[in-house]
């Protein structure tokens, strides 16, 4: 599949380009949790399209899913944002948050690259973040600015479903699409905006 290169997108009008997997996919959607998530997601999209922010949608989604315990896995560089998110979500749910530097493990323990070779540095610990939130039996975990790779490990070990509220991009103020919207970055990648 190379859907990004397709100019027609006839699937939006009901065309099926992957007939051979349809039956298996339909069976997956029939599973109780998957069907509930699909229905709640569709309800939010249908009723709040262009009306609510991502944060408001997350709150609505959690309420409709009857989630009680929400986990926040955050980067220490976004501790202010995580604190505000915790405060907002705590008005509706039981919230647990775990900083990326939890356990204070020295980077040298695993021969990890330092940002500043002259300083002792603590590694990010997404596996511990996930395991700690697993202990709390969170219903949903929210990623706030975990680094590339760390977000992958967190999702790999999280028992609860995971959504991302903030994607880490230090250069573009945590707006990775800025690289796609800027003709200067597109030129840097050897892609030239045709519009």
C-alpha atoms as a PDB file:
ATOM      1  CA  UNK A   1       0.000   0.000   0.000  1.00  0.00           C
ATOM      2  CA  UNK A   2       1.129   3.509  -0.787  1.00  0.00           C
ATOM      3  CA  UNK A   3      -1.953   5.501   0.129  1.00  0.00           C
ATOM      4  CA  UNK A   4       0.031   8.731   0.593  1.00  0.00           C
ATOM      5  CA  UNK A   5       0.829   8.623  -3.122  1.00  0.00           C
ATOM      6  CA  UNK A   6      -2.754   7.948  -4.233  1.00  0.00           C
ATOM      7  CA  UNK A   7      -4.413  11.030  -5.722  1.00  0.00           C
ATOM      8  CA  UNK A   8      -7.939   9.616  -5.918  1.00  0.00           C
ATOM      9  CA  UNK A   9      -8.595   8.296  -2.387  1.00  0.00           C
ATOM     10  CA  UNK A  10     -11.683   6.442  -3.633  1.00  0.00           C
ATOM     11  CA  UNK A  11     -11.829   4.658  -0.268  1.00  0.00           C
ATOM     12  CA  UNK A  12     -13.641   7.718   1.073  1.00  0.00           C
ATOM     13  CA  UNK A  13     -16.472   6.769  -1.300  1.00  0.00           C
ATOM     14  CA  UNK A  14     -16.459   3.094  -0.286  1.00  0.00           C
ATOM     15  CA  UNK A  15     -13.879   1.508  -2.605  1.00  0.00           C
ATOM     16  CA  UNK A  16     -11.957  -1.364  -0.973  1.00  0.00           C
ATOM     17  CA  UNK A  17      -8.355  -1.697  -2.145  1.00  0.00           C
ATOM     18  CA  UNK A  18      -7.585  -4.567   0.299  1.00  0.00           C
ATOM     19  CA  UNK A  19     -10.420  -7.055  -0.209  1.00  0.00           C
ATOM     20  CA  UNK A  20      -8.313  -9.959   1.133  1.00  0.00           C
ATOM     21  CA  UNK A  21      -8.101  -8.546   4.691  1.00  0.00           C
ATOM     22  CA  UNK A  22     -11.604  -7.131   5.077  1.00  0.00           C
ATOM     23  CA  UNK A  23     -13.104 -10.148   6.885  1.00  0.00           C
ATOM     24  CA  UNK A  24     -10.284 -10.204   9.470  1.00  0.00           C
ATOM     25  CA  UNK A  25     -10.595  -6.469  10.072  1.00  0.00           C
ATOM     26  CA  UNK A  26     -14.358  -6.654  10.528  1.00  0.00           C
ATOM     27  CA  UNK A  27     -13.853  -9.394  13.150  1.00  0.00           C
ATOM     28  CA  UNK A  28     -11.403  -7.155  15.053  1.00  0.00           C
ATOM     29  CA  UNK A  29     -13.945  -4.316  15.140  1.00  0.00           C
ATOM     30  CA  UNK A  30     -16.543  -6.706  16.542  1.00  0.00           C
ATOM     31  CA  UNK A  31     -14.444  -7.158  19.684  1.00  0.00           C
ATOM     32  CA  UNK A  32     -16.168  -5.299  22.527  1.00  0.00           C
ATOM     33  CA  UNK A  33     -13.387  -2.847  23.455  1.00  0.00           C
ATOM     34  CA  UNK A  34     -12.489  -2.086  19.834  1.00  0.00           C
ATOM     35  CA  UNK A  35     -16.105  -1.475  18.866  1.00  0.00           C
ATOM     36  CA  UNK A  36     -16.653   0.810  21.853  1.00  0.00           C
ATOM     37  CA  UNK A  37     -13.530   2.845  21.010  1.00  0.00           C
ATOM     38  CA  UNK A  38     -14.622   3.078  17.355  1.00  0.00           C
ATOM     39  CA  UNK A  39     -18.127   4.223  18.318  1.00  0.00           C
ATOM     40  CA  UNK A  40     -16.926   6.803  20.854  1.00  0.00           C
ATOM     41  CA  UNK A  41     -14.303   8.118  18.405  1.00  0.00           C
ATOM     42  CA  UNK A  42     -16.903   8.444  15.673  1.00  0.00           C
ATOM     43  CA  UNK A  43     -19.319  10.185  18.049  1.00  0.00           C
ATOM     44  CA  UNK A  44     -16.651  12.721  19.043  1.00  0.00           C
ATOM     45  CA  UNK A  45     -15.641  13.333  15.433  1.00  0.00           C
ATOM     46  CA  UNK A  46     -19.258  13.667  14.316  1.00  0.00           C
ATOM     47  CA  UNK A  47     -20.399  15.941  17.137  1.00  0.00           C
ATOM     48  CA  UNK A  48     -17.341  18.016  17.962  1.00  0.00           C
ATOM     49  CA  UNK A  49     -15.699  18.409  14.537  1.00  0.00           C
ATOM     50  CA  UNK A  50     -13.999  21.852  14.556  1.00  0.00           C
ATOM     51  CA  UNK A  51     -15.693  22.621  17.895  1.00  0.00           C
ATOM     52  CA  UNK A  52     -13.344  21.201  20.526  1.00  0.00           C
ATOM     53  CA  UNK A  53      -9.587  21.176  21.057  1.00  0.00           C
ATOM     54  CA  UNK A  54      -7.578  17.964  21.309  1.00  0.00           C
ATOM     55  CA  UNK A  55      -7.571  18.373  25.106  1.00  0.00           C
ATOM     56  CA  UNK A  56     -11.353  18.734  25.220  1.00  0.00           C
ATOM     57  CA  UNK A  57     -11.723  15.724  22.938  1.00  0.00           C
ATOM     58  CA  UNK A  58      -9.500  13.621  25.211  1.00  0.00           C
ATOM     59  CA  UNK A  59     -11.675  14.553  28.202  1.00  0.00           C
ATOM     60  CA  UNK A  60     -14.880  13.732  26.305  1.00  0.00           C
ATOM     61  CA  UNK A  61     -13.413  10.461  25.052  1.00  0.00           C
ATOM     62  CA  UNK A  62     -12.361   9.370  28.548  1.00  0.00           C
ATOM     63  CA  UNK A  63     -15.759  10.229  30.011  1.00  0.00           C
ATOM     64  CA  UNK A  64     -17.623   8.362  27.272  1.00  0.00           C
ATOM     65  CA  UNK A  65     -15.316   5.353  27.668  1.00  0.00           C
ATOM     66  CA  UNK A  66     -15.997   5.490  31.422  1.00  0.00           C
ATOM     67  CA  UNK A  67     -12.282   5.749  32.144  1.00  0.00           C
ATOM     68  CA  UNK A  68     -11.499   6.606  35.759  1.00  0.00           C
ATOM     69  CA  UNK A  69      -7.685   6.449  35.961  1.00  0.00           C
ATOM     70  CA  UNK A  70      -5.567   8.455  33.527  1.00  0.00           C
ATOM     71  CA  UNK A  71      -1.788   8.240  33.285  1.00  0.00           C
ATOM     72  CA  UNK A  72       0.536  10.953  32.024  1.00  0.00           C
ATOM     73  CA  UNK A  73       4.016   9.990  30.825  1.00  0.00           C
ATOM     74  CA  UNK A  74       5.906  13.241  30.373  1.00  0.00           C
ATOM     75  CA  UNK A  75       9.294  14.602  29.444  1.00  0.00           C
ATOM     76  CA  UNK A  76      10.966  16.656  32.152  1.00  0.00           C
ATOM     77  CA  UNK A  77      11.355  19.418  29.552  1.00  0.00           C
ATOM     78  CA  UNK A  78       7.564  19.744  29.527  1.00  0.00           C
ATOM     79  CA  UNK A  79       7.005  19.543  33.279  1.00  0.00           C
ATOM     80  CA  UNK A  80       5.049  22.811  33.291  1.00  0.00           C
ATOM     81  CA  UNK A  81       2.692  21.568  30.584  1.00  0.00           C
ATOM     82  CA  UNK A  82       2.325  18.200  32.353  1.00  0.00           C
ATOM     83  CA  UNK A  83       1.453  19.947  35.624  1.00  0.00           C
ATOM     84  CA  UNK A  84      -1.251  22.021  33.915  1.00  0.00           C
ATOM     85  CA  UNK A  85      -2.603  18.958  32.098  1.00  0.00           C
ATOM     86  CA  UNK A  86      -2.665  17.055  35.414  1.00  0.00           C
ATOM     87  CA  UNK A  87      -4.575  19.914  37.054  1.00  0.00           C
ATOM     88  CA  UNK A  88      -7.166  20.016  34.258  1.00  0.00           C
ATOM     89  CA  UNK A  89      -7.648  16.245  34.035  1.00  0.00           C
ATOM     90  CA  UNK A  90      -7.812  15.883  37.833  1.00  0.00           C
ATOM     91  CA  UNK A  91     -11.100  17.781  37.782  1.00  0.00           C
ATOM     92  CA  UNK A  92     -12.618  14.768  36.022  1.00  0.00           C
ATOM     93  CA  UNK A  93     -10.407  11.737  36.703  1.00  0.00           C
ATOM     94  CA  UNK A  94      -7.908  10.108  39.047  1.00  0.00           C
ATOM     95  CA  UNK A  95      -4.596  11.131  37.461  1.00  0.00           C
ATOM     96  CA  UNK A  96      -1.131   9.613  37.837  1.00  0.00           C
ATOM     97  CA  UNK A  97       1.945  11.133  36.213  1.00  0.00           C
ATOM     98  CA  UNK A  98       5.473   9.854  35.734  1.00  0.00           C
ATOM     99  CA  UNK A  99       8.484  11.942  34.707  1.00  0.00           C
ATOM    100  CA  UNK A 100      10.906  10.559  32.121  1.00  0.00           C
ATOM    101  CA  UNK A 101      13.838  10.675  34.564  1.00  0.00           C
ATOM    102  CA  UNK A 102      12.116   8.352  37.066  1.00  0.00           C
ATOM    103  CA  UNK A 103      14.585   6.079  38.929  1.00  0.00           C
ATOM    104  CA  UNK A 104      17.509   8.429  38.187  1.00  0.00           C
ATOM    105  CA  UNK A 105      19.568   5.907  36.183  1.00  0.00           C
ATOM    106  CA  UNK A 106      22.951   7.225  35.004  1.00  0.00           C
ATOM    107  CA  UNK A 107      23.352   7.145  31.199  1.00  0.00           C
ATOM    108  CA  UNK A 108      26.765   5.557  31.670  1.00  0.00           C
ATOM    109  CA  UNK A 109      25.114   2.381  33.008  1.00  0.00           C
ATOM    110  CA  UNK A 110      24.111   1.514  29.419  1.00  0.00           C
ATOM    111  CA  UNK A 111      26.776   3.571  27.622  1.00  0.00           C
ATOM    112  CA  UNK A 112      24.171   6.011  26.320  1.00  0.00           C
ATOM    113  CA  UNK A 113      25.125   9.173  24.457  1.00  0.00           C
ATOM    114  CA  UNK A 114      25.377  12.340  26.551  1.00  0.00           C
ATOM    115  CA  UNK A 115      24.076  15.747  25.486  1.00  0.00           C
ATOM    116  CA  UNK A 116      26.984  17.322  27.367  1.00  0.00           C
ATOM    117  CA  UNK A 117      29.948  14.973  27.711  1.00  0.00           C
ATOM    118  CA  UNK A 118      31.317  17.025  30.612  1.00  0.00           C
ATOM    119  CA  UNK A 119      28.292  16.373  32.846  1.00  0.00           C
ATOM    120  CA  UNK A 120      26.727  13.403  34.530  1.00  0.00           C
ATOM    121  CA  UNK A 121      23.363  12.750  32.879  1.00  0.00           C
ATOM    122  CA  UNK A 122      20.348  10.703  33.854  1.00  0.00           C
ATOM    123  CA  UNK A 123      18.740   8.585  31.155  1.00  0.00           C
ATOM    124  CA  UNK A 124      15.103   8.800  30.153  1.00  0.00           C
ATOM    125  CA  UNK A 125      13.242   5.757  31.411  1.00  0.00           C
ATOM    126  CA  UNK A 126      10.071   5.116  29.370  1.00  0.00           C
ATOM    127  CA  UNK A 127       9.930   1.451  30.366  1.00  0.00           C
ATOM    128  CA  UNK A 128       9.683   2.442  34.046  1.00  0.00           C
ATOM    129  CA  UNK A 129       7.092   5.105  33.170  1.00  0.00           C
ATOM    130  CA  UNK A 130       4.912   2.428  31.563  1.00  0.00           C
ATOM    131  CA  UNK A 131       5.438  -0.135  34.328  1.00  0.00           C
ATOM    132  CA  UNK A 132       4.603   2.393  37.049  1.00  0.00           C
ATOM    133  CA  UNK A 133       1.389   3.393  35.281  1.00  0.00           C
ATOM    134  CA  UNK A 134       0.627  -0.307  34.720  1.00  0.00           C
ATOM    135  CA  UNK A 135       0.834  -0.785  38.512  1.00  0.00           C
ATOM    136  CA  UNK A 136      -1.799   1.941  38.920  1.00  0.00           C
ATOM    137  CA  UNK A 137      -3.991   0.111  36.388  1.00  0.00           C
ATOM    138  CA  UNK A 138      -4.618   3.243  34.365  1.00  0.00           C
ATOM    139  CA  UNK A 139      -7.410   3.097  31.794  1.00  0.00           C
ATOM    140  CA  UNK A 140      -5.616   5.398  29.343  1.00  0.00           C
ATOM    141  CA  UNK A 141      -2.091   6.795  29.188  1.00  0.00           C
ATOM    142  CA  UNK A 142      -1.248  10.144  27.638  1.00  0.00           C
ATOM    143  CA  UNK A 143       2.180  10.936  26.216  1.00  0.00           C
ATOM    144  CA  UNK A 144       3.440  14.470  26.780  1.00  0.00           C
ATOM    145  CA  UNK A 145       6.593  15.150  24.788  1.00  0.00           C
ATOM    146  CA  UNK A 146       8.525  11.899  25.110  1.00  0.00           C
ATOM    147  CA  UNK A 147      11.512  11.784  22.769  1.00  0.00           C
ATOM    148  CA  UNK A 148      11.460   9.729  19.592  1.00  0.00           C
ATOM    149  CA  UNK A 149      12.209   6.157  20.591  1.00  0.00           C
ATOM    150  CA  UNK A 150      11.253   6.756  24.194  1.00  0.00           C
ATOM    151  CA  UNK A 151       7.636   7.146  23.065  1.00  0.00           C
ATOM    152  CA  UNK A 152       7.974   3.837  21.200  1.00  0.00           C
ATOM    153  CA  UNK A 153       9.297   2.004  24.259  1.00  0.00           C
ATOM    154  CA  UNK A 154       6.583   3.549  26.428  1.00  0.00           C
ATOM    155  CA  UNK A 155       3.846   2.359  24.067  1.00  0.00           C
ATOM    156  CA  UNK A 156       5.453  -1.072  23.803  1.00  0.00           C
ATOM    157  CA  UNK A 157       5.296  -1.584  27.586  1.00  0.00           C
ATOM    158  CA  UNK A 158       2.054   0.234  28.405  1.00  0.00           C
ATOM    159  CA  UNK A 159      -0.806  -2.158  29.157  1.00  0.00           C
ATOM    160  CA  UNK A 160      -3.359   0.646  28.810  1.00  0.00           C
ATOM    161  CA  UNK A 161      -4.245   2.190  25.450  1.00  0.00           C
ATOM    162  CA  UNK A 162      -2.089   5.226  24.726  1.00  0.00           C
ATOM    163  CA  UNK A 163      -2.695   8.560  23.022  1.00  0.00           C
ATOM    164  CA  UNK A 164      -0.308  11.420  22.361  1.00  0.00           C
ATOM    165  CA  UNK A 165      -1.079  14.938  23.524  1.00  0.00           C
ATOM    166  CA  UNK A 166       2.324  16.490  22.743  1.00  0.00           C
ATOM    167  CA  UNK A 167       4.872  15.280  20.205  1.00  0.00           C
ATOM    168  CA  UNK A 168       8.458  16.260  21.010  1.00  0.00           C
ATOM    169  CA  UNK A 169      10.060  18.663  18.540  1.00  0.00           C
ATOM    170  CA  UNK A 170      12.522  20.984  20.245  1.00  0.00           C
ATOM    171  CA  UNK A 171      13.246  22.966  17.085  1.00  0.00           C
ATOM    172  CA  UNK A 172       9.643  23.623  16.046  1.00  0.00           C
ATOM    173  CA  UNK A 173       8.044  24.311  19.458  1.00  0.00           C
ATOM    174  CA  UNK A 174       6.599  20.772  19.579  1.00  0.00           C
ATOM    175  CA  UNK A 175       4.848  21.204  16.238  1.00  0.00           C
ATOM    176  CA  UNK A 176       6.477  18.588  13.980  1.00  0.00           C
ATOM    177  CA  UNK A 177       4.181  19.495  11.088  1.00  0.00           C
ATOM    178  CA  UNK A 178       6.041  22.793  10.909  1.00  0.00           C
ATOM    179  CA  UNK A 179       8.691  20.938   8.881  1.00  0.00           C
ATOM    180  CA  UNK A 180       6.032  19.943   6.337  1.00  0.00           C
ATOM    181  CA  UNK A 181       4.440  23.401   6.227  1.00  0.00           C
ATOM    182  CA  UNK A 182       7.749  25.232   5.695  1.00  0.00           C
ATOM    183  CA  UNK A 183       9.105  25.404   2.151  1.00  0.00           C
ATOM    184  CA  UNK A 184      12.580  25.897   3.661  1.00  0.00           C
ATOM    185  CA  UNK A 185      12.417  22.575   5.480  1.00  0.00           C
ATOM    186  CA  UNK A 186      10.906  20.872   2.440  1.00  0.00           C
ATOM    187  CA  UNK A 187      13.848  22.134   0.351  1.00  0.00           C
ATOM    188  CA  UNK A 188      16.210  20.806   3.035  1.00  0.00           C
ATOM    189  CA  UNK A 189      14.634  17.352   2.607  1.00  0.00           C
ATOM    190  CA  UNK A 190      14.827  17.592  -1.188  1.00  0.00           C
ATOM    191  CA  UNK A 191      11.058  17.908  -1.554  1.00  0.00           C
ATOM    192  CA  UNK A 192       9.820  20.929  -3.410  1.00  0.00           C
ATOM    193  CA  UNK A 193       6.388  22.369  -2.728  1.00  0.00           C
ATOM    194  CA  UNK A 194       4.424  22.284  -5.959  1.00  0.00           C
ATOM    195  CA  UNK A 195       1.660  24.664  -4.821  1.00  0.00           C
END
